[in-house]
PDB file of all heavy atoms in Angstrom:
ATOM      1  N   ALA A   1       0.828  -1.203   0.000  1.00  0.00           N
ATOM      2  CA  ALA A   1       0.000   0.000   0.000  1.00  0.00           C
ATOM      3  C   ALA A   1       0.864   1.256   0.000  1.00  0.00           C
ATOM      4  O   ALA A   1       0.569   2.220  -0.725  1.00  0.00           O
ATOM      5  CB  ALA A   1      -0.932  -0.014   1.209  1.00  0.00           C
ATOM      6  N   ALA A   2       1.916   1.272   0.798  1.00  0.00           N
ATOM      7  CA  ALA A   2       2.779   2.451   0.862  1.00  0.00           C
ATOM      8  C   ALA A   2       3.367   2.764  -0.502  1.00  0.00           C
ATOM      9  O   ALA A   2       3.427   3.933  -0.922  1.00  0.00           O
ATOM     10  CB  ALA A   2       3.885   2.240   1.892  1.00  0.00           C
ATOM     11  N   PHE A   3       3.794   1.730  -1.210  1.00  0.00           N
ATOM     12  CA  PHE A   3       4.348   1.927  -2.551  1.00  0.00           C
ATOM     13  C   PHE A   3       3.253   2.352  -3.532  1.00  0.00           C
ATOM     14  O   PHE A   3       3.411   3.298  -4.303  1.00  0.00           O
ATOM     15  CB  PHE A   3       5.020   0.639  -3.018  1.00  0.00           C
ATOM     16  CG  PHE A   3       5.539   0.692  -4.422  1.00  0.00           C
ATOM     17  CD1 PHE A   3       6.725   1.335  -4.717  1.00  0.00           C
ATOM     18  CD2 PHE A   3       4.839   0.091  -5.462  1.00  0.00           C
ATOM     19  CE1 PHE A   3       7.206   1.392  -6.019  1.00  0.00           C
ATOM     20  CE2 PHE A   3       5.307   0.133  -6.762  1.00  0.00           C
ATOM     21  CZ  PHE A   3       6.501   0.789  -7.034  1.00  0.00           C
ATOM     22  N   GLY A   4       2.115   1.646  -3.495  1.00  0.00           N
ATOM     23  CA  GLY A   4       1.056   1.901  -4.462  1.00  0.00           C
ATOM     24  C   GLY A   4       0.269   3.175  -4.233  1.00  0.00           C
ATOM     25  O   GLY A   4      -0.519   3.570  -5.100  1.00  0.00           O
ATOM     26  N   ASN A   5       0.476   3.830  -3.092  1.00  0.00           N
ATOM     27  CA  ASN A   5      -0.179   5.116  -2.841  1.00  0.00           C
ATOM     28  C   ASN A   5       0.716   6.306  -3.179  1.00  0.00           C
ATOM     29  O   ASN A   5       0.264   7.452  -3.064  1.00  0.00           O
ATOM     30  CB  ASN A   5      -0.609   5.211  -1.370  1.00  0.00           C
ATOM     31  CG  ASN A   5      -1.833   4.369  -1.058  1.00  0.00           C
ATOM     32  OD1 ASN A   5      -2.680   4.133  -1.920  1.00  0.00           O
ATOM     33  ND2 ASN A   5      -1.930   3.893   0.176  1.00  0.00           N
ATOM     34  N   ARG A   6       1.958   6.052  -3.549  1.00  0.00           N
ATOM     35  CA  ARG A   6       2.890   7.145  -3.855  1.00  0.00           C
ATOM     36  C   ARG A   6       2.460   7.880  -5.121  1.00  0.00           C
ATOM     37  O   ARG A   6       2.179   7.253  -6.162  1.00  0.00           O
ATOM     38  CB  ARG A   6       4.305   6.618  -4.037  1.00  0.00           C
ATOM     39  CG  ARG A   6       4.992   6.154  -2.770  1.00  0.00           C
ATOM     40  CD  ARG A   6       6.360   5.579  -3.071  1.00  0.00           C
ATOM     41  NE  ARG A   6       7.234   6.545  -3.743  1.00  0.00           N
ATOM     42  CZ  ARG A   6       8.456   6.869  -3.321  1.00  0.00           C
ATOM     43  NH1 ARG A   6       8.953   6.320  -2.218  1.00  0.00           N
ATOM     44  NH2 ARG A   6       9.189   7.737  -4.008  1.00  0.00           N
ATOM     45  N   ALA A   7       2.449   9.193  -5.077  1.00  0.00           N
ATOM     46  CA  ALA A   7       2.037   9.987  -6.237  1.00  0.00           C
ATOM     47  C   ALA A   7       2.964   9.767  -7.422  1.00  0.00           C
ATOM     48  O   ALA A   7       2.508   9.687  -8.571  1.00  0.00           O
ATOM     49  CB  ALA A   7       1.985  11.464  -5.866  1.00  0.00           C
ATOM     50  N   ASP A   8       4.286   9.667  -7.170  1.00  0.00           N
ATOM     51  CA  ASP A   8       5.209   9.500  -8.291  1.00  0.00           C
ATOM     52  C   ASP A   8       5.027   8.138  -8.950  1.00  0.00           C
ATOM     53  O   ASP A   8       5.101   8.018 -10.185  1.00  0.00           O
ATOM     54  CB  ASP A   8       6.663   9.706  -7.851  1.00  0.00           C
ATOM     55  CG  ASP A   8       7.108   8.792  -6.719  1.00  0.00           C
ATOM     56  OD1 ASP A   8       6.258   8.135  -6.092  1.00  0.00           O
ATOM     57  OD2 ASP A   8       8.326   8.747  -6.443  1.00  0.00           O
ATOM     58  N   VAL A   9       4.745   7.107  -8.167  1.00  0.00           N
ATOM     59  CA  VAL A   9       4.514   5.773  -8.720  1.00  0.00           C
ATOM     60  C   VAL A   9       3.227   5.742  -9.532  1.00  0.00           C
ATOM     61  O   VAL A   9       3.170   5.185 -10.633  1.00  0.00           O
ATOM     62  CB  VAL A   9       4.470   4.727  -7.584  1.00  0.00           C
ATOM     63  CG1 VAL A   9       3.924   3.396  -8.072  1.00  0.00           C
ATOM     64  CG2 VAL A   9       5.859   4.553  -6.971  1.00  0.00           C
ATOM     65  N   LEU A  10       2.188   6.357  -9.017  1.00  0.00           N
ATOM     66  CA  LEU A  10       0.891   6.337  -9.696  1.00  0.00           C
ATOM     67  C   LEU A  10       0.895   7.136 -10.989  1.00  0.00           C
ATOM     68  O   LEU A  10       0.154   6.817 -11.924  1.00  0.00           O
ATOM     69  CB  LEU A  10      -0.190   6.879  -8.764  1.00  0.00           C
ATOM     70  CG  LEU A  10      -0.525   6.002  -7.558  1.00  0.00           C
ATOM     71  CD1 LEU A  10      -1.392   6.763  -6.571  1.00  0.00           C
ATOM     72  CD2 LEU A  10      -1.203   4.714  -8.000  1.00  0.00           C
ATOM     73  N   SER A  11       1.712   8.164 -11.065  1.00  0.00           N
ATOM     74  CA  SER A  11       1.722   8.994 -12.270  1.00  0.00           C
ATOM     75  C   SER A  11       2.794   8.581 -13.274  1.00  0.00           C
ATOM     76  O   SER A  11       2.780   9.046 -14.414  1.00  0.00           O
ATOM     77  CB  SER A  11       1.900  10.473 -11.897  1.00  0.00           C
ATOM     78  OG  SER A  11       3.108  10.677 -11.187  1.00  0.00           O
ATOM     79  N   ALA A  12       3.701   7.692 -12.863  1.00  0.00           N
ATOM     80  CA  ALA A  12       4.737   7.223 -13.779  1.00  0.00           C
ATOM     81  C   ALA A  12       4.215   6.077 -14.633  1.00  0.00           C
ATOM     82  O   ALA A  12       3.231   5.408 -14.285  1.00  0.00           O
ATOM     83  CB  ALA A  12       5.964   6.767 -12.989  1.00  0.00           C
ATOM     84  N   ALA A  13       4.891   5.838 -15.742  1.00  0.00           N
ATOM     85  CA  ALA A  13       4.595   4.659 -16.551  1.00  0.00           C
ATOM     86  C   ALA A  13       5.382   3.490 -15.973  1.00  0.00           C
ATOM     87  O   ALA A  13       6.596   3.398 -16.132  1.00  0.00           O
ATOM     88  CB  ALA A  13       4.981   4.887 -18.003  1.00  0.00           C
ATOM     89  N   ILE A  14       4.689   2.613 -15.250  1.00  0.00           N
ATOM     90  CA  ILE A  14       5.266   1.360 -14.748  1.00  0.00           C
ATOM     91  C   ILE A  14       4.302   0.277 -15.216  1.00  0.00           C
ATOM     92  O   ILE A  14       3.462  -0.220 -14.462  1.00  0.00           O
ATOM     93  CB  ILE A  14       5.409   1.382 -13.210  1.00  0.00           C
ATOM     94  CG1 ILE A  14       6.213   2.604 -12.768  1.00  0.00           C
ATOM     95  CG2 ILE A  14       6.091   0.105 -12.722  1.00  0.00           C
ATOM     96  CD1 ILE A  14       6.332   2.765 -11.253  1.00  0.00           C
ATOM     97  N   PRO A  15       4.354  -0.087 -16.505  1.00  0.00           N
ATOM     98  CA  PRO A  15       3.254  -0.828 -17.122  1.00  0.00           C
ATOM     99  C   PRO A  15       3.199  -2.318 -16.798  1.00  0.00           C
ATOM    100  O   PRO A  15       2.490  -3.060 -17.473  1.00  0.00           O
ATOM    101  CB  PRO A  15       3.482  -0.585 -18.620  1.00  0.00           C
ATOM    102  CG  PRO A  15       4.946  -0.311 -18.739  1.00  0.00           C
ATOM    103  CD  PRO A  15       5.355   0.356 -17.479  1.00  0.00           C
ATOM    104  N   ALA A  16       3.900  -2.746 -15.746  1.00  0.00           N
ATOM    105  CA  ALA A  16       3.614  -4.065 -15.182  1.00  0.00           C
ATOM    106  C   ALA A  16       2.372  -3.994 -14.314  1.00  0.00           C
ATOM    107  O   ALA A  16       1.820  -5.014 -13.910  1.00  0.00           O
ATOM    108  CB  ALA A  16       4.802  -4.560 -14.361  1.00  0.00           C
ATOM    109  N   GLY A  17       1.916  -2.789 -14.017  1.00  0.00           N
ATOM    110  CA  GLY A  17       0.684  -2.551 -13.277  1.00  0.00           C
ATOM    111  C   GLY A  17      -0.081  -1.437 -13.949  1.00  0.00           C
ATOM    112  O   GLY A  17       0.406  -0.808 -14.895  1.00  0.00           O
ATOM    113  N   GLY A  18      -1.274  -1.172 -13.454  1.00  0.00           N
ATOM    114  CA  GLY A  18      -2.076  -0.117 -14.051  1.00  0.00           C
ATOM    115  C   GLY A  18      -3.095   0.415 -13.078  1.00  0.00           C
ATOM    116  O   GLY A  18      -3.249  -0.093 -11.967  1.00  0.00           O
ATOM    117  N   GLN A  19      -3.774   1.454 -13.506  1.00  0.00           N
ATOM    118  CA  GLN A  19      -4.824   2.068 -12.697  1.00  0.00           C
ATOM    119  C   GLN A  19      -6.121   1.976 -13.512  1.00  0.00           C
ATOM    120  O   GLN A  19      -6.150   2.393 -14.673  1.00  0.00           O
ATOM    121  CB  GLN A  19      -4.484   3.527 -12.368  1.00  0.00           C
ATOM    122  CG  GLN A  19      -3.178   3.695 -11.584  1.00  0.00           C
ATOM    123  CD  GLN A  19      -1.947   3.620 -12.468  1.00  0.00           C
ATOM    124  OE1 GLN A  19      -1.963   4.029 -13.624  1.00  0.00           O
ATOM    125  NE2 GLN A  19      -0.861   3.089 -11.929  1.00  0.00           N
ATOM    126  N   LEU A  20      -7.142   1.436 -12.895  1.00  0.00           N
ATOM    127  CA  LEU A  20      -8.330   1.116 -13.678  1.00  0.00           C
ATOM    128  C   LEU A  20      -9.566   1.017 -12.806  1.00  0.00           C
ATOM    129  O   LEU A  20      -9.476   0.826 -11.595  1.00  0.00           O
ATOM    130  CB  LEU A  20      -8.102  -0.202 -14.416  1.00  0.00           C
ATOM    131  CG  LEU A  20      -7.569  -1.372 -13.573  1.00  0.00           C
ATOM    132  CD1 LEU A  20      -8.688  -2.251 -13.054  1.00  0.00           C
ATOM    133  CD2 LEU A  20      -6.591  -2.205 -14.385  1.00  0.00           C
ATOM    134  N   THR A  21     -10.707   1.169 -13.446  1.00  0.00           N
ATOM    135  CA  THR A  21     -11.967   0.801 -12.826  1.00  0.00           C
ATOM    136  C   THR A  21     -12.330  -0.592 -13.322  1.00  0.00           C
ATOM    137  O   THR A  21     -11.903  -1.018 -14.403  1.00  0.00           O
ATOM    138  CB  THR A  21     -13.096   1.776 -13.189  1.00  0.00           C
ATOM    139  OG1 THR A  21     -13.373   1.667 -14.606  1.00  0.00           O
ATOM    140  CG2 THR A  21     -12.728   3.216 -12.840  1.00  0.00           C
ATOM    141  N   ALA A  22     -13.142  -1.285 -12.540  1.00  0.00           N
ATOM    142  CA  ALA A  22     -13.554  -2.625 -12.955  1.00  0.00           C
ATOM    143  C   ALA A  22     -14.336  -2.562 -14.268  1.00  0.00           C
ATOM    144  O   ALA A  22     -14.151  -3.401 -15.151  1.00  0.00           O
ATOM    145  CB  ALA A  22     -14.383  -3.283 -11.864  1.00  0.00           C
ATOM    146  N   ARG A  23     -15.213  -1.560 -14.404  1.00  0.00           N
ATOM    147  CA  ARG A  23     -16.035  -1.522 -15.611  1.00  0.00           C
ATOM    148  C   ARG A  23     -15.198  -1.217 -16.854  1.00  0.00           C
ATOM    149  O   ARG A  23     -15.487  -1.717 -17.936  1.00  0.00           O
ATOM    150  CB  ARG A  23     -17.178  -0.521 -15.462  1.00  0.00           C
ATOM    151  CG  ARG A  23     -16.760   0.928 -15.391  1.00  0.00           C
ATOM    152  CD  ARG A  23     -17.951   1.841 -15.182  1.00  0.00           C
ATOM    153  NE  ARG A  23     -17.559   3.247 -15.118  1.00  0.00           N
ATOM    154  CZ  ARG A  23     -18.396   4.232 -14.828  1.00  0.00           C
ATOM    155  NH1 ARG A  23     -19.671   3.966 -14.571  1.00  0.00           N
ATOM    156  NH2 ARG A  23     -17.978   5.500 -14.794  1.00  0.00           N
ATOM    157  N   ALA A  24     -14.125  -0.422 -16.709  1.00  0.00           N
ATOM    158  CA  ALA A  24     -13.266  -0.128 -17.856  1.00  0.00           C
ATOM    159  C   ALA A  24     -12.447  -1.344 -18.250  1.00  0.00           C
ATOM    160  O   ALA A  24     -12.277  -1.642 -19.440  1.00  0.00           O
ATOM    161  CB  ALA A  24     -12.358   1.053 -17.541  1.00  0.00           C
ATOM    162  N   ALA A  25     -11.894  -2.060 -17.253  1.00  0.00           N
ATOM    163  CA  ALA A  25     -11.102  -3.247 -17.551  1.00  0.00           C
ATOM    164  C   ALA A  25     -11.966  -4.336 -18.171  1.00  0.00           C
ATOM    165  O   ALA A  25     -11.574  -4.992 -19.146  1.00  0.00           O
ATOM    166  CB  ALA A  25     -10.428  -3.757 -16.286  1.00  0.00           C
ATOM    167  N   ALA A  26     -13.164  -4.538 -17.628  1.00  0.00           N
ATOM    168  CA  ALA A  26     -14.067  -5.533 -18.196  1.00  0.00           C
ATOM    169  C   ALA A  26     -14.471  -5.145 -19.619  1.00  0.00           C
ATOM    170  O   ALA A  26     -14.590  -6.010 -20.503  1.00  0.00           O
ATOM    171  CB  ALA A  26     -15.305  -5.678 -17.318  1.00  0.00           C
ATOM    172  N   ARG A  27     -14.665  -3.858 -19.846  1.00  0.00           N
ATOM    173  CA  ARG A  27     -15.029  -3.384 -21.188  1.00  0.00           C
ATOM    174  C   ARG A  27     -13.896  -3.652 -22.179  1.00  0.00           C
ATOM    175  O   ARG A  27     -14.137  -4.048 -23.323  1.00  0.00           O
ATOM    176  CB  ARG A  27     -15.355  -1.895 -21.119  1.00  0.00           C
ATOM    177  CG  ARG A  27     -15.925  -1.287 -22.402  1.00  0.00           C
ATOM    178  CD  ARG A  27     -16.366   0.152 -22.142  1.00  0.00           C
ATOM    179  NE  ARG A  27     -16.861   0.814 -23.329  1.00  0.00           N
ATOM    180  CZ  ARG A  27     -18.109   0.749 -23.792  1.00  0.00           C
ATOM    181  NH1 ARG A  27     -19.000   0.021 -23.154  1.00  0.00           N
ATOM    182  NH2 ARG A  27     -18.477   1.417 -24.876  1.00  0.00           N
ATOM    183  N   MET A  28     -12.656  -3.437 -21.739  1.00  0.00           N
ATOM    184  CA  MET A  28     -11.508  -3.704 -22.616  1.00  0.00           C
ATOM    185  C   MET A  28     -11.456  -5.184 -22.995  1.00  0.00           C
ATOM    186  O   MET A  28     -11.292  -5.536 -24.175  1.00  0.00           O
ATOM    187  CB  MET A  28     -10.214  -3.290 -21.928  1.00  0.00           C
ATOM    188  CG  MET A  28      -8.973  -3.485 -22.793  1.00  0.00           C
ATOM    189  SD  MET A  28      -7.437  -3.471 -21.834  1.00  0.00           S
ATOM    190  CE  MET A  28      -7.469  -5.137 -21.134  1.00  0.00           C
ATOM    191  N   TYR A  29     -11.592  -6.063 -22.004  1.00  0.00           N
ATOM    192  CA  TYR A  29     -11.563  -7.494 -22.306  1.00  0.00           C
ATOM    193  C   TYR A  29     -12.751  -7.896 -23.179  1.00  0.00           C
ATOM    194  O   TYR A  29     -12.619  -8.754 -24.067  1.00  0.00           O
ATOM    195  CB  TYR A  29     -11.546  -8.312 -21.018  1.00  0.00           C
ATOM    196  CG  TYR A  29     -10.154  -8.509 -20.445  1.00  0.00           C
ATOM    197  CD1 TYR A  29      -9.658  -7.684 -19.448  1.00  0.00           C
ATOM    198  CD2 TYR A  29      -9.324  -9.535 -20.910  1.00  0.00           C
ATOM    199  CE1 TYR A  29      -8.382  -7.863 -18.926  1.00  0.00           C
ATOM    200  CE2 TYR A  29      -8.052  -9.725 -20.394  1.00  0.00           C
ATOM    201  CZ  TYR A  29      -7.581  -8.889 -19.402  1.00  0.00           C
ATOM    202  OH  TYR A  29      -6.322  -9.065 -18.893  1.00  0.00           O
ATOM    203  N   ALA A  30     -13.909  -7.276 -22.941  1.00  0.00           N
ATOM    204  CA  ALA A  30     -15.072  -7.566 -23.782  1.00  0.00           C
ATOM    205  C   ALA A  30     -14.803  -7.193 -25.231  1.00  0.00           C
ATOM    206  O   ALA A  30     -15.253  -7.882 -26.157  1.00  0.00           O
ATOM    207  CB  ALA A  30     -16.294  -6.818 -23.258  1.00  0.00           C
ATOM    208  N   ALA A  31     -14.053  -6.112 -25.438  1.00  0.00           N
ATOM    209  CA  ALA A  31     -13.750  -5.664 -26.800  1.00  0.00           C
ATOM    210  C   ALA A  31     -12.650  -6.491 -27.448  1.00  0.00           C
ATOM    211  O   ALA A  31     -12.410  -6.360 -28.656  1.00  0.00           O
ATOM    212  CB  ALA A  31     -13.358  -4.180 -26.784  1.00  0.00           C
TER     213      ALA A  31
END
């Protein structure tokens, strides 16, 4: 949590992870 709440981590491109809503992620997989 400490790492994942950091502003620099959340705004950087670290594309082994992402920021998403469930409905957006489900919509992507549906497409």
